[in-house]
Amino acid sequence: MQLLISYVPILVMAFLALLVGVVPLVLACFIAPSAPNEAKSKPFECGFSPDEGMRVPFDIKYYLVAILFILFDLETAFLLPWSVCLKELGWHGFVVMMVFLGILTVGFIYEWKQDALTWRK
């Protein structure tokens, strides 16, 4: 019985997660205004109309922005585990992360100077 009681917090958390996910969807069905028309019912993907066909010229800027986002997102993902273990890592871990962040900052400044972050059509 004691073993089952230890699972109660997990069940409560699962119930709350389900509640947070389902309640807004159910409320939206009743509260949100609905005025369907042909334009709203058409599929829309990545800013292009599906009526144009598949051979539309695609700007390389989309790929560049996606790669830069993934690069900086993954590099900043190292900050959380580093901050949790900083006390055990000591000064060596601190200096290594500052060098890492310095390289990241230099790369960000380079991208900024090259206008890789400005969006032009």
Protein backbone atom coordinates (compact mmCIF):
# COMPACT_ATOMS: atom_id res chain seq x y z
CA MET A 1 0.00 0.00 0.00
CA GLN A 2 2.87 2.36 0.83
CA LEU A 3 4.26 1.81 -2.67
CA LEU A 4 0.96 2.89 -4.27
CA ILE A 5 0.78 6.01 -2.10
CA SER A 6 4.18 7.10 -3.38
CA TYR A 7 2.70 7.30 -6.91
CA VAL A 8 -0.07 9.74 -5.90
CA PRO A 9 1.99 12.88 -6.72
CA ILE A 10 2.70 11.52 -10.20
CA LEU A 11 -0.98 10.81 -10.77
CA VAL A 12 -1.93 14.29 -9.54
CA MET A 13 0.66 15.85 -11.87
CA ALA A 14 -0.59 13.78 -14.82
CA PHE A 15 -4.17 14.80 -14.06
CA LEU A 16 -3.19 18.48 -13.86
CA ALA A 17 -1.25 18.24 -17.13
CA LEU A 18 -4.22 16.64 -18.83
CA LEU A 19 -6.51 19.30 -17.34
CA VAL A 20 -4.28 22.13 -18.56
CA GLY A 21 -4.17 20.62 -22.04
CA VAL A 22 -7.83 19.68 -22.46
CA VAL A 23 -9.76 22.44 -20.66
CA PRO A 24 -8.62 25.28 -22.99
CA LEU A 25 -9.57 23.19 -26.03
CA VAL A 26 -13.02 22.45 -24.68
CA LEU A 27 -13.55 26.07 -23.62
CA ALA A 28 -12.48 27.30 -27.05
CA CYS A 29 -15.20 25.20 -28.69
CA PHE A 30 -17.86 26.97 -26.63
CA ILE A 31 -16.45 30.50 -26.20
CA ALA A 32 -14.53 31.27 -29.41
CA PRO A 33 -16.45 32.91 -32.24
CA SER A 34 -16.71 30.81 -35.37
CA ALA A 35 -17.19 32.29 -38.82
CA PRO A 36 -15.87 29.72 -41.32
CA ASN A 37 -15.37 30.77 -44.91
CA GLU A 38 -13.47 29.53 -47.94
CA ALA A 39 -10.29 31.50 -47.20
CA LYS A 40 -10.07 30.23 -43.63
CA SER A 41 -10.69 26.64 -44.70
CA LYS A 42 -7.84 26.55 -47.23
CA PRO A 43 -4.60 24.91 -46.14
CA PHE A 44 -1.80 27.36 -45.44
CA GLU A 45 1.79 26.35 -45.09
CA CYS A 46 4.99 28.37 -44.66
CA GLY A 47 3.54 31.55 -46.11
CA PHE A 48 2.83 30.05 -49.51
CA SER A 49 -0.53 29.30 -51.02
CA PRO A 50 -0.90 25.62 -51.89
CA ASP A 51 -2.38 26.63 -55.27
CA GLU A 52 1.00 27.83 -56.55
CA GLY A 53 2.46 24.38 -57.02
CA MET A 54 5.61 22.78 -55.69
CA ARG A 55 8.18 24.44 -57.96
CA VAL A 56 8.05 27.91 -56.39
CA PRO A 57 11.45 29.62 -55.94
CA PHE A 58 12.33 29.32 -52.27
CA ASP A 59 14.44 32.00 -50.62
CA ILE A 60 17.66 30.70 -49.08
CA LYS A 61 17.14 33.13 -46.20
CA TYR A 62 14.66 30.68 -44.63
CA TYR A 63 17.39 28.06 -44.36
CA LEU A 64 19.93 30.53 -42.99
CA VAL A 65 17.57 31.73 -40.27
CA ALA A 66 16.67 28.13 -39.37
CA ILE A 67 20.31 27.10 -39.12
CA LEU A 68 21.18 30.14 -37.00
CA PHE A 69 18.24 29.46 -34.70
CA ILE A 70 19.24 25.83 -34.21
CA LEU A 71 22.86 26.81 -33.65
CA PHE A 72 22.15 29.39 -30.97
CA ASP A 73 19.35 27.36 -29.43
CA LEU A 74 21.58 24.32 -28.95
CA GLU A 75 24.45 26.40 -27.63
CA THR A 76 22.28 28.14 -25.07
CA ALA A 77 20.85 24.76 -24.04
CA PHE A 78 24.25 24.05 -22.46
CA LEU A 79 23.68 26.85 -19.94
CA LEU A 80 21.11 25.03 -17.79
CA PRO A 81 23.15 21.91 -16.96
CA TRP A 82 26.22 24.09 -16.50
CA SER A 83 24.40 26.35 -14.04
CA VAL A 84 23.14 23.35 -12.06
CA CYS A 85 26.63 21.83 -11.77
CA LEU A 86 28.59 25.06 -11.39
CA LYS A 87 29.43 24.47 -7.72
CA GLU A 88 30.96 21.07 -8.48
CA LEU A 89 32.80 22.33 -11.58
CA GLY A 90 34.53 25.14 -9.73
CA TRP A 91 36.58 27.84 -11.39
CA HIS A 92 37.70 25.60 -14.23
CA GLY A 93 34.09 25.00 -15.30
CA PHE A 94 33.36 28.71 -15.00
CA VAL A 95 36.32 29.72 -17.18
CA VAL A 96 35.53 27.07 -19.79
CA MET A 97 31.92 28.29 -20.06
CA MET A 98 33.04 31.92 -20.31
CA VAL A 99 35.33 30.96 -23.21
CA PHE A 100 32.42 29.11 -24.80
CA LEU A 101 30.12 32.12 -24.37
CA GLY A 102 32.85 34.41 -25.68
CA ILE A 103 33.11 32.38 -28.88
CA LEU A 104 29.31 32.40 -29.12
CA THR A 105 29.25 36.18 -28.71
CA VAL A 106 31.93 36.69 -31.36
CA GLY A 107 29.91 34.52 -33.78
CA PHE A 108 26.75 36.47 -33.00
CA ILE A 109 28.49 39.81 -33.59
CA TYR A 110 29.89 38.48 -36.88
CA GLU A 111 26.41 37.45 -38.02
CA TRP A 112 25.05 40.83 -37.01
CA LYS A 113 27.77 42.69 -38.95
CA GLN A 114 27.14 40.50 -42.02
CA ASP A 115 23.40 41.40 -41.88
CA ALA A 116 22.47 37.73 -41.56
CA LEU A 117 19.81 38.63 -39.00
CA THR A 118 17.97 41.28 -41.04
CA TRP A 119 15.07 40.12 -43.14
CA ARG A 120 14.74 41.52 -46.64
CA LYS A 121 12.36 40.43 -49.37
